Amino acid sequence: MAANLTVAANKRVRGEILALLYSVQPVPVEIRTITNSLLESNMVSVPSIAQHIDYLSGKKYIQVIGEDAAEQILKLTPTGVDLVEGTIEDQGVDV
């Protein structure tokens, strides 16, 4: 049961990241802005954000721009827009 809760929480966090990026598209957003928003809503801890960013970028839903982790920005890709708008589905993201 604990594993199911973790999976559900991961899906929600990934969906929230995409929703935040969708709300300001096509403008890229600093990772720290996303991090602060998720921390304020008590959705994640700082170390766990990286795994969600990695998942979403690996699926090509977001683009990570910049080499320096402290200065990176995120941008929603066309595939990410499709996911948020419901024209495609991913069982690992709750949008």
Protein backbone atom coordinates (compact mmCIF):
# COMPACT_ATOMS: atom_id res chain seq x y z
CA MET A 1 0.00 0.00 0.00
CA ALA A 2 2.87 2.42 0.76
CA ALA A 3 4.27 1.79 -2.72
CA ASN A 4 0.90 2.73 -4.24
CA LEU A 5 0.90 6.00 -2.31
CA THR A 6 4.41 6.79 -3.53
CA VAL A 7 3.47 6.07 -7.14
CA ALA A 8 0.39 8.27 -6.87
CA ALA A 9 2.42 11.08 -5.28
CA ASN A 10 5.04 10.86 -8.03
CA LYS A 11 2.33 11.12 -10.70
CA ARG A 12 0.84 14.19 -9.02
CA VAL A 13 4.20 15.95 -8.72
CA ARG A 14 5.04 15.32 -12.37
CA GLY A 15 1.62 16.60 -13.39
CA GLU A 16 2.05 19.70 -11.25
CA ILE A 17 5.40 20.49 -12.86
CA LEU A 18 3.83 20.23 -16.30
CA ALA A 19 0.84 22.33 -15.24
CA LEU A 20 3.13 25.07 -13.94
CA LEU A 21 5.09 25.13 -17.20
CA TYR A 22 1.89 25.03 -19.25
CA SER A 23 0.48 28.05 -17.42
CA VAL A 24 3.38 30.26 -18.55
CA GLN A 25 4.31 28.71 -21.89
CA PRO A 26 6.19 29.45 -24.10
CA VAL A 27 8.27 31.19 -21.44
CA PRO A 28 10.89 28.94 -19.81
CA VAL A 29 10.93 28.78 -16.00
CA GLU A 30 13.89 28.50 -13.64
CA ILE A 31 14.09 25.19 -11.81
CA ARG A 32 14.27 27.10 -8.53
CA THR A 33 10.86 28.66 -9.26
CA ILE A 34 9.33 25.22 -9.83
CA THR A 35 11.11 23.92 -6.73
CA ASN A 36 9.82 26.77 -4.56
CA SER A 37 6.27 26.27 -5.77
CA LEU A 38 6.36 22.54 -5.03
CA LEU A 39 7.98 23.10 -1.64
CA GLU A 40 5.37 25.69 -0.66
CA SER A 41 2.61 23.25 -1.46
CA ASN A 42 4.43 20.51 0.52
CA MET A 43 4.45 18.24 -2.53
CA VAL A 44 8.16 17.33 -2.52
CA SER A 45 11.50 17.71 -0.84
CA VAL A 46 14.42 19.28 -2.69
CA PRO A 47 16.31 16.04 -3.47
CA SER A 48 13.27 14.35 -4.98
CA ILE A 49 12.63 17.11 -7.53
CA ALA A 50 15.59 15.98 -9.64
CA GLN A 51 14.04 12.55 -10.23
CA HIS A 52 10.84 14.13 -11.55
CA ILE A 53 12.73 16.52 -13.82
CA ASP A 54 14.76 13.57 -15.10
CA TYR A 55 11.62 11.53 -15.79
CA LEU A 56 9.87 14.35 -17.63
CA SER A 57 12.91 15.29 -19.71
CA GLY A 58 13.58 11.62 -20.52
CA LYS A 59 10.05 11.35 -21.89
CA LYS A 60 10.61 14.57 -23.89
CA TYR A 61 7.80 16.42 -22.09
CA ILE A 62 10.17 19.16 -20.97
CA GLN A 63 13.46 20.57 -22.14
CA VAL A 64 16.17 21.36 -19.59
CA ILE A 65 18.22 24.34 -20.76
CA GLY A 66 21.61 25.15 -19.27
CA GLU A 67 24.58 23.24 -17.93
CA ASP A 68 24.83 24.70 -14.42
CA ALA A 69 22.22 23.04 -12.18
CA ALA A 70 21.68 26.27 -10.22
CA GLU A 71 20.91 28.21 -13.39
CA GLN A 72 18.90 25.67 -15.38
CA ILE A 73 15.54 26.55 -16.84
CA LEU A 74 12.71 24.30 -17.96
CA LYS A 75 10.57 24.64 -21.03
CA LEU A 76 7.49 22.66 -21.99
CA THR A 77 7.90 20.80 -25.30
CA PRO A 78 5.14 20.24 -27.86
CA THR A 79 4.82 16.66 -26.55
CA GLY A 80 4.41 18.07 -23.03
CA VAL A 81 1.66 20.37 -24.28
CA ASP A 82 -0.09 17.38 -25.86
CA LEU A 83 0.09 15.51 -22.55
CA VAL A 84 -1.33 18.42 -20.55
CA GLU A 85 -4.08 18.99 -23.11
CA GLY A 86 -5.01 15.30 -23.06
CA THR A 87 -4.27 14.43 -26.69
CA ILE A 88 -1.75 11.82 -25.46
CA GLU A 89 -1.58 9.83 -22.21
CA ASP A 90 1.16 8.67 -19.87
CA GLN A 91 0.32 6.41 -16.94
CA GLY A 92 3.27 7.91 -15.02
CA VAL A 93 1.88 11.46 -15.02
CA ASP A 94 -1.35 12.70 -13.45
CA VAL A 95 -2.45 15.78 -15.37
